[in-house]
Every structure is written in structure tokens, then in C-alpha cells.
Amino acid sequence: MSDTRKDNLYIFDFDGTLTFKDSLIEFLRFAKGDAYTFALFFIYSPMLVLMKLGLYSNHKAKQKIFSFCFKGMLERDFDTICKNFAESKADLLRMEGLREIERLLERNDKVMVVSASIRNWTSPLLGTYFNITDNLKDKGVYVIGTEIEVVNGRVTGKFSSHNCYGQEKVNRINAILPNRKDYRIIAYGDSKGDKELLEMADESHYKPFRDGR
């Protein structure tokens, strides 16, 4: 089957590709304050250094920090913070990237955002500009992210999915595509966490949307 007969699927990384800053850090600053966030990263700095060196799991490091901050919180309170964060911090998003997504949606191409960040705040952030859909057949942006565990209405501090980073991005994409061969995938990323995504795509763009806001 030639590419001209395939559906185009445009897949975007979130942090760094569609945002100016890491949304996890910005979310922690919003939810907990700058002093708390600075102290938190100071306390966990040895673990974070090991993570950067590839000697400690990215998944475990992020989960420890998330658990320290939000374990035991009511899910509805956490989601309220995420909603308020999205409303207050929409300027984190690169306008050039948003314009590209808008252009693709206007011509009825399929658009997906795949992020290691937690979906509870990535979806509302993107939702300030676009319709968020849970069905690729519908017009809008389909969002995949790291999922948090909730038991009896409270955040446990654990993730209910793998950290959506590296190969896990490809795994999550393949899990929801009925047939990978039916799609021509165009991917956008900016870091080593997007390496596998960019390699699996038919066309890839590294560090796009750097020419302006």
C-alpha cells in the first residue's frame, strides 16, 4: 500500500516540543510554590543525578517525587489543581506548534500528543485550545500520557501505567492503533525520550517550532 492511500497521523511530544518549559516542574511550582519545589529537588538531587546518568529508573524517580507531593490527595482536588494550572499557564505552549496542530485539524488529519507528563494536566492544557478526544476517528487531539493510580477517590502516589517515555511511547501508540500499516506517521520530538518515537515514524522532525512563539 502506498503512502498516498494511508491516513496521516501526526504525533507530537509535549514537553519541550509543544512547551517552552518542563510541565512537571511548572506544575509543582504552581501547586506547591517555588520554595517547596526548590527544596524538593534539592532533597532528591542525588537520585536525579543518578537518573540523568542512566543509573536510576526515570519511572521510579518521577513516581517518588509525585508521591511525595500528592499521595493521599482527593482525586477531585488534584484535578482541580490541574484545571487551574491549565487556565493559568496556557502561555507555556509554543504558539508555532499550536498553529501547526490547528492547521492539521482544519484539513481533517489525525493528531495525537504522547507525553511522559501526567495526562491530568496535559489534556486540560491542550484543551484550552483544542477539542480533546478519546477516539481517533473524531476530530480533535488524542492525548496519551502517564496515568496516575486512584483508589477510593484518593491519589495513591503511584502510576497506573508505565512512565510514557522512550520505548513506552511507541508501546502505547501501537496499543491503540488498529493497524500500524494503515497510517503514515509524522512525529515531532525534542529529546532522547523521543528517540524511539522518531525512529518508528515515516517522517520525523527534531526540535521543531523554534523560530518563534
C-alpha atoms as a PDB file:
ATOM      1  CA  MET A   1       0.000   0.000   0.000  1.00  0.00           C
ATOM      2  CA  SER A   2       1.444   3.393  -0.943  1.00  0.00           C
ATOM      3  CA  ASP A   3       1.655   6.284   1.479  1.00  0.00           C
ATOM      4  CA  THR A   4      -0.898   8.263  -0.579  1.00  0.00           C
ATOM      5  CA  ARG A   5      -3.591   5.746   0.427  1.00  0.00           C
ATOM      6  CA  LYS A   6      -2.755   5.812   4.119  1.00  0.00           C
ATOM      7  CA  ASP A   7      -4.235   8.061   6.787  1.00  0.00           C
ATOM      8  CA  ASN A   8      -1.775  10.657   8.002  1.00  0.00           C
ATOM      9  CA  LEU A   9      -1.240  10.510  11.777  1.00  0.00           C
ATOM     10  CA  TYR A  10       0.711  13.403  13.296  1.00  0.00           C
ATOM     11  CA  ILE A  11       2.214  12.586  16.697  1.00  0.00           C
ATOM     12  CA  PHE A  12       3.671  15.289  18.931  1.00  0.00           C
ATOM     13  CA  ASP A  13       5.780  15.030  22.051  1.00  0.00           C
ATOM     14  CA  PHE A  14       4.605  17.543  24.667  1.00  0.00           C
ATOM     15  CA  ASP A  15       7.356  18.844  26.977  1.00  0.00           C
ATOM     16  CA  GLY A  16       9.953  20.843  25.062  1.00  0.00           C
ATOM     17  CA  THR A  17       8.264  20.219  21.717  1.00  0.00           C
ATOM     18  CA  LEU A  18       4.938  21.954  22.342  1.00  0.00           C
ATOM     19  CA  THR A  19       6.021  23.744  25.537  1.00  0.00           C
ATOM     20  CA  PHE A  20       8.790  26.173  26.428  1.00  0.00           C
ATOM     21  CA  LYS A  21       9.457  24.538  29.819  1.00  0.00           C
ATOM     22  CA  ASP A  22       9.113  21.177  31.528  1.00  0.00           C
ATOM     23  CA  SER A  23       5.467  20.989  32.592  1.00  0.00           C
ATOM     24  CA  LEU A  24       6.170  18.776  35.634  1.00  0.00           C
ATOM     25  CA  ILE A  25       8.418  21.401  37.190  1.00  0.00           C
ATOM     26  CA  GLU A  26       5.984  24.171  36.317  1.00  0.00           C
ATOM     27  CA  PHE A  27       3.095  22.163  37.752  1.00  0.00           C
ATOM     28  CA  LEU A  28       4.961  21.577  41.013  1.00  0.00           C
ATOM     29  CA  ARG A  29       5.767  25.283  41.257  1.00  0.00           C
ATOM     30  CA  PHE A  30       2.102  26.121  40.684  1.00  0.00           C
ATOM     31  CA  ALA A  31       0.735  23.504  43.099  1.00  0.00           C
ATOM     32  CA  LYS A  32       3.348  23.757  45.866  1.00  0.00           C
ATOM     33  CA  GLY A  33       5.211  27.027  45.414  1.00  0.00           C
ATOM     34  CA  ASP A  34       8.776  27.844  44.394  1.00  0.00           C
ATOM     35  CA  ALA A  35      10.375  27.317  47.819  1.00  0.00           C
ATOM     36  CA  TYR A  36       8.795  23.886  48.251  1.00  0.00           C
ATOM     37  CA  THR A  37       9.801  22.859  44.709  1.00  0.00           C
ATOM     38  CA  PHE A  38      13.403  24.025  45.185  1.00  0.00           C
ATOM     39  CA  ALA A  39      13.677  22.135  48.491  1.00  0.00           C
ATOM     40  CA  LEU A  40      12.122  19.047  46.904  1.00  0.00           C
ATOM     41  CA  PHE A  41      14.638  18.910  44.069  1.00  0.00           C
ATOM     42  CA  PHE A  42      17.482  19.592  46.498  1.00  0.00           C
ATOM     43  CA  ILE A  43      16.405  16.638  48.663  1.00  0.00           C
ATOM     44  CA  TYR A  44      16.114  14.353  45.668  1.00  0.00           C
ATOM     45  CA  SER A  45      19.161  15.701  43.805  1.00  0.00           C
ATOM     46  CA  PRO A  46      21.322  12.555  44.320  1.00  0.00           C
ATOM     47  CA  MET A  47      18.558  10.400  42.820  1.00  0.00           C
ATOM     48  CA  LEU A  48      18.061  12.825  39.939  1.00  0.00           C
ATOM     49  CA  VAL A  49      21.787  12.836  39.145  1.00  0.00           C
ATOM     50  CA  LEU A  50      21.762   9.026  39.016  1.00  0.00           C
ATOM     51  CA  MET A  51      18.716   9.175  36.753  1.00  0.00           C
ATOM     52  CA  LYS A  52      20.478  11.556  34.362  1.00  0.00           C
ATOM     53  CA  LEU A  53      23.445   9.161  34.277  1.00  0.00           C
ATOM     54  CA  GLY A  54      21.137   6.281  33.414  1.00  0.00           C
ATOM     55  CA  LEU A  55      21.781   4.566  36.748  1.00  0.00           C
ATOM     56  CA  TYR A  56      18.292   5.023  38.189  1.00  0.00           C
ATOM     57  CA  SER A  57      14.901   4.434  36.632  1.00  0.00           C
ATOM     58  CA  ASN A  58      13.177   7.500  35.177  1.00  0.00           C
ATOM     59  CA  HIS A  59       9.849   5.917  36.145  1.00  0.00           C
ATOM     60  CA  LYS A  60      10.871   5.383  39.782  1.00  0.00           C
ATOM     61  CA  ALA A  61      12.362   8.856  40.138  1.00  0.00           C
ATOM     62  CA  LYS A  62       9.269  10.624  38.818  1.00  0.00           C
ATOM     63  CA  GLN A  63       6.946   8.435  40.874  1.00  0.00           C
ATOM     64  CA  LYS A  64       8.874   9.142  44.101  1.00  0.00           C
ATOM     65  CA  ILE A  65       8.616  12.887  43.551  1.00  0.00           C
ATOM     66  CA  PHE A  66       4.954  12.688  42.590  1.00  0.00           C
ATOM     67  CA  SER A  67       4.155  10.508  45.604  1.00  0.00           C
ATOM     68  CA  PHE A  68       5.971  12.860  47.992  1.00  0.00           C
ATOM     69  CA  CYS A  69       3.850  15.752  46.759  1.00  0.00           C
ATOM     70  CA  PHE A  70       0.408  14.310  46.149  1.00  0.00           C
ATOM     71  CA  LYS A  71      -0.055  10.947  47.880  1.00  0.00           C
ATOM     72  CA  GLY A  72      -3.374  10.877  49.739  1.00  0.00           C
ATOM     73  CA  MET A  73      -4.903  13.868  47.964  1.00  0.00           C
ATOM     74  CA  LEU A  74      -8.510  13.573  46.839  1.00  0.00           C
ATOM     75  CA  GLU A  75      -8.650  12.966  43.102  1.00  0.00           C
ATOM     76  CA  ARG A  76     -11.156  15.798  42.648  1.00  0.00           C
ATOM     77  CA  ASP A  77      -8.801  18.225  44.423  1.00  0.00           C
ATOM     78  CA  PHE A  78      -5.876  17.111  42.282  1.00  0.00           C
ATOM     79  CA  ASP A  79      -7.908  17.534  39.106  1.00  0.00           C
ATOM     80  CA  THR A  80      -8.993  20.989  40.244  1.00  0.00           C
ATOM     81  CA  ILE A  81      -5.330  21.988  40.600  1.00  0.00           C
ATOM     82  CA  CYS A  82      -4.673  20.588  37.108  1.00  0.00           C
ATOM     83  CA  LYS A  83      -7.588  22.589  35.683  1.00  0.00           C
ATOM     84  CA  ASN A  84      -6.457  25.795  37.392  1.00  0.00           C
ATOM     85  CA  PHE A  85      -2.893  25.183  36.209  1.00  0.00           C
ATOM     86  CA  ALA A  86      -4.107  24.843  32.617  1.00  0.00           C
ATOM     87  CA  GLU A  87      -6.113  28.054  32.840  1.00  0.00           C
ATOM     88  CA  SER A  88      -3.206  29.983  34.367  1.00  0.00           C
ATOM     89  CA  LYS A  89      -0.311  28.556  32.365  1.00  0.00           C
ATOM     90  CA  ALA A  90      -1.561  28.265  28.787  1.00  0.00           C
ATOM     91  CA  ASP A  91       1.370  30.512  27.813  1.00  0.00           C
ATOM     92  CA  LEU A  92       3.700  27.524  28.391  1.00  0.00           C
ATOM     93  CA  LEU A  93       2.630  26.286  24.956  1.00  0.00           C
ATOM     94  CA  ARG A  94       4.516  27.235  21.816  1.00  0.00           C
ATOM     95  CA  MET A  95       2.176  29.157  19.527  1.00  0.00           C
ATOM     96  CA  GLU A  96       4.011  27.916  16.447  1.00  0.00           C
ATOM     97  CA  GLY A  97       3.266  24.332  17.463  1.00  0.00           C
ATOM     98  CA  LEU A  98      -0.356  25.158  18.240  1.00  0.00           C
ATOM     99  CA  ARG A  99      -0.778  26.758  14.831  1.00  0.00           C
ATOM    100  CA  GLU A 100       0.595  23.604  13.198  1.00  0.00           C
ATOM    101  CA  ILE A 101      -1.902  21.430  15.086  1.00  0.00           C
ATOM    102  CA  GLU A 102      -4.728  23.819  14.174  1.00  0.00           C
ATOM    103  CA  ARG A 103      -3.739  23.611  10.507  1.00  0.00           C
ATOM    104  CA  LEU A 104      -3.707  19.807  10.613  1.00  0.00           C
ATOM    105  CA  LEU A 105      -7.102  19.608  12.301  1.00  0.00           C
ATOM    106  CA  GLU A 106      -8.607  22.014   9.787  1.00  0.00           C
ATOM    107  CA  ARG A 107      -7.670  19.626   6.974  1.00  0.00           C
ATOM    108  CA  ASN A 108      -9.012  16.658   8.981  1.00  0.00           C
ATOM    109  CA  ASP A 109      -5.687  14.941   9.659  1.00  0.00           C
ATOM    110  CA  LYS A 110      -5.396  12.830  12.798  1.00  0.00           C
ATOM    111  CA  VAL A 111      -3.416  14.386  15.660  1.00  0.00           C
ATOM    112  CA  MET A 112      -2.009  12.697  18.753  1.00  0.00           C
ATOM    113  CA  VAL A 113       0.074  14.055  21.641  1.00  0.00           C
ATOM    114  CA  VAL A 114       2.169  11.492  23.520  1.00  0.00           C
ATOM    115  CA  SER A 115       3.827  12.669  26.722  1.00  0.00           C
ATOM    116  CA  ALA A 116       5.729  11.371  29.716  1.00  0.00           C
ATOM    117  CA  SER A 117       3.925  14.038  31.719  1.00  0.00           C
ATOM    118  CA  ILE A 118       0.753  13.166  33.588  1.00  0.00           C
ATOM    119  CA  ARG A 119      -2.375  13.290  31.449  1.00  0.00           C
ATOM    120  CA  ASN A 120      -4.395  15.017  34.178  1.00  0.00           C
ATOM    121  CA  TRP A 121      -2.687  18.292  33.331  1.00  0.00           C
ATOM    122  CA  THR A 122      -1.535  17.794  29.731  1.00  0.00           C
ATOM    123  CA  SER A 123      -5.102  17.260  28.483  1.00  0.00           C
ATOM    124  CA  PRO A 124      -6.505  20.421  30.150  1.00  0.00           C
ATOM    125  CA  LEU A 125      -3.562  22.481  28.876  1.00  0.00           C
ATOM    126  CA  LEU A 126      -4.159  21.352  25.304  1.00  0.00           C
ATOM    127  CA  GLY A 127      -7.895  21.635  25.906  1.00  0.00           C
ATOM    128  CA  THR A 128      -7.572  25.396  26.303  1.00  0.00           C
ATOM    129  CA  TYR A 129      -7.035  25.459  22.512  1.00  0.00           C
ATOM    130  CA  PHE A 130      -8.417  22.229  21.050  1.00  0.00           C
ATOM    131  CA  ASN A 131     -11.111  19.624  21.448  1.00  0.00           C
ATOM    132  CA  ILE A 132      -9.654  16.639  23.312  1.00  0.00           C
ATOM    133  CA  THR A 133     -10.979  13.337  22.012  1.00  0.00           C
ATOM    134  CA  ASP A 134     -10.757   9.753  23.222  1.00  0.00           C
ATOM    135  CA  ASN A 135     -11.411   8.371  19.734  1.00  0.00           C
ATOM    136  CA  LEU A 136      -9.010   8.803  16.835  1.00  0.00           C
ATOM    137  CA  LYS A 137     -11.972   8.752  14.462  1.00  0.00           C
ATOM    138  CA  ASP A 138     -13.258  12.015  15.944  1.00  0.00           C
ATOM    139  CA  LYS A 139     -11.890  15.459  15.112  1.00  0.00           C
ATOM    140  CA  GLY A 140      -9.603  16.703  17.856  1.00  0.00           C
ATOM    141  CA  VAL A 141      -6.406  15.865  19.708  1.00  0.00           C
ATOM    142  CA  TYR A 142      -5.950  12.386  21.161  1.00  0.00           C
ATOM    143  CA  VAL A 143      -3.754  12.569  24.282  1.00  0.00           C
ATOM    144  CA  ILE A 144      -1.611   9.780  25.719  1.00  0.00           C
ATOM    145  CA  GLY A 145       0.295  10.382  28.948  1.00  0.00           C
ATOM    146  CA  THR A 146       1.462   8.826  32.175  1.00  0.00           C
ATOM    147  CA  GLU A 147      -1.572   7.718  34.194  1.00  0.00           C
ATOM    148  CA  ILE A 148      -1.914   8.052  37.966  1.00  0.00           C
ATOM    149  CA  GLU A 149      -3.418   5.453  40.290  1.00  0.00           C
ATOM    150  CA  VAL A 150      -6.531   6.414  42.264  1.00  0.00           C
ATOM    151  CA  VAL A 151      -8.072   4.184  44.957  1.00  0.00           C
ATOM    152  CA  ASN A 152     -11.270   5.103  46.780  1.00  0.00           C
ATOM    153  CA  GLY A 153     -11.163   8.579  45.318  1.00  0.00           C
ATOM    154  CA  ARG A 154      -7.634   9.351  46.506  1.00  0.00           C
ATOM    155  CA  VAL A 155      -4.330   9.631  44.674  1.00  0.00           C
ATOM    156  CA  THR A 156      -2.066   6.794  45.840  1.00  0.00           C
ATOM    157  CA  GLY A 157       1.165   8.388  44.638  1.00  0.00           C
ATOM    158  CA  LYS A 158       1.763   5.509  42.223  1.00  0.00           C
ATOM    159  CA  PHE A 159       1.377   5.397  38.463  1.00  0.00           C
ATOM    160  CA  SER A 160      -1.191   3.046  36.958  1.00  0.00           C
ATOM    161  CA  SER A 161       0.743   2.983  33.683  1.00  0.00           C
ATOM    162  CA  HIS A 162       4.412   2.879  32.814  1.00  0.00           C
ATOM    163  CA  ASN A 163       6.083   6.268  32.568  1.00  0.00           C
ATOM    164  CA  CYS A 164       5.283   7.247  28.971  1.00  0.00           C
ATOM    165  CA  TYR A 165       8.915   7.806  27.984  1.00  0.00           C
ATOM    166  CA  GLY A 166      11.199   6.307  25.350  1.00  0.00           C
ATOM    167  CA  GLN A 167      10.044   2.899  24.101  1.00  0.00           C
ATOM    168  CA  GLU A 168       6.883   3.195  26.200  1.00  0.00           C
ATOM    169  CA  LYS A 169       5.673   5.944  23.871  1.00  0.00           C
ATOM    170  CA  VAL A 170       5.860   3.517  20.951  1.00  0.00           C
ATOM    171  CA  ASN A 171       4.236   0.759  23.003  1.00  0.00           C
ATOM    172  CA  ARG A 172       1.298   2.983  23.928  1.00  0.00           C
ATOM    173  CA  ILE A 173       0.843   4.179  20.344  1.00  0.00           C
ATOM    174  CA  ASN A 174       0.891   0.641  18.948  1.00  0.00           C
ATOM    175  CA  ALA A 175      -1.615  -0.483  21.584  1.00  0.00           C
ATOM    176  CA  ILE A 176      -4.303   1.893  20.335  1.00  0.00           C
ATOM    177  CA  LEU A 177      -3.684   1.697  16.567  1.00  0.00           C
ATOM    178  CA  PRO A 178      -5.858  -0.958  14.920  1.00  0.00           C
ATOM    179  CA  ASN A 179      -3.193  -1.471  12.251  1.00  0.00           C
ATOM    180  CA  ARG A 180       0.074   0.466  12.191  1.00  0.00           C
ATOM    181  CA  LYS A 181       0.423  -0.193   8.456  1.00  0.00           C
ATOM    182  CA  ASP A 182      -2.738   1.795   7.773  1.00  0.00           C
ATOM    183  CA  TYR A 183      -1.047   5.017   8.894  1.00  0.00           C
ATOM    184  CA  ARG A 184       1.697   7.268   7.650  1.00  0.00           C
ATOM    185  CA  ILE A 185       3.138   8.596  10.906  1.00  0.00           C
ATOM    186  CA  ILE A 186       4.764  12.013  11.128  1.00  0.00           C
ATOM    187  CA  ALA A 187       6.398  12.560  14.524  1.00  0.00           C
ATOM    188  CA  TYR A 188       7.740  15.610  16.355  1.00  0.00           C
ATOM    189  CA  GLY A 189      10.129  15.402  19.317  1.00  0.00           C
ATOM    190  CA  ASP A 190      12.982  17.176  21.042  1.00  0.00           C
ATOM    191  CA  SER A 191      14.833  14.838  23.433  1.00  0.00           C
ATOM    192  CA  LYS A 192      16.256  11.378  23.997  1.00  0.00           C
ATOM    193  CA  GLY A 193      12.891  10.395  25.426  1.00  0.00           C
ATOM    194  CA  ASP A 194      11.523  10.743  21.879  1.00  0.00           C
ATOM    195  CA  LYS A 195      14.243   8.698  20.142  1.00  0.00           C
ATOM    196  CA  GLU A 196      12.154   5.574  19.663  1.00  0.00           C
ATOM    197  CA  LEU A 197       9.120   7.586  18.581  1.00  0.00           C
ATOM    198  CA  LEU A 198      11.108   9.445  15.932  1.00  0.00           C
ATOM    199  CA  GLU A 199      12.676   6.206  14.710  1.00  0.00           C
ATOM    200  CA  MET A 200       9.339   4.429  14.267  1.00  0.00           C
ATOM    201  CA  ALA A 201       7.830   7.305  12.276  1.00  0.00           C
ATOM    202  CA  ASP A 202       7.743   7.501   8.496  1.00  0.00           C
ATOM    203  CA  GLU A 203       8.783  11.144   8.781  1.00  0.00           C
ATOM    204  CA  SER A 204      10.314  12.816  11.831  1.00  0.00           C
ATOM    205  CA  HIS A 205      11.010  16.369  12.970  1.00  0.00           C
ATOM    206  CA  TYR A 206      13.551  17.025  15.733  1.00  0.00           C
ATOM    207  CA  LYS A 207      13.284  20.218  17.793  1.00  0.00           C
ATOM    208  CA  PRO A 208      10.632  21.899  15.640  1.00  0.00           C
ATOM    209  CA  PHE A 209       8.814  25.161  16.346  1.00  0.00           C
ATOM    210  CA  ARG A 210      11.943  27.044  17.430  1.00  0.00           C
ATOM    211  CA  ASP A 211      11.594  30.008  15.075  1.00  0.00           C
ATOM    212  CA  GLY A 212       9.089  31.938  17.136  1.00  0.00           C
ATOM    213  CA  ARG A 213       6.364  31.714  19.774  1.00  0.00           C
END
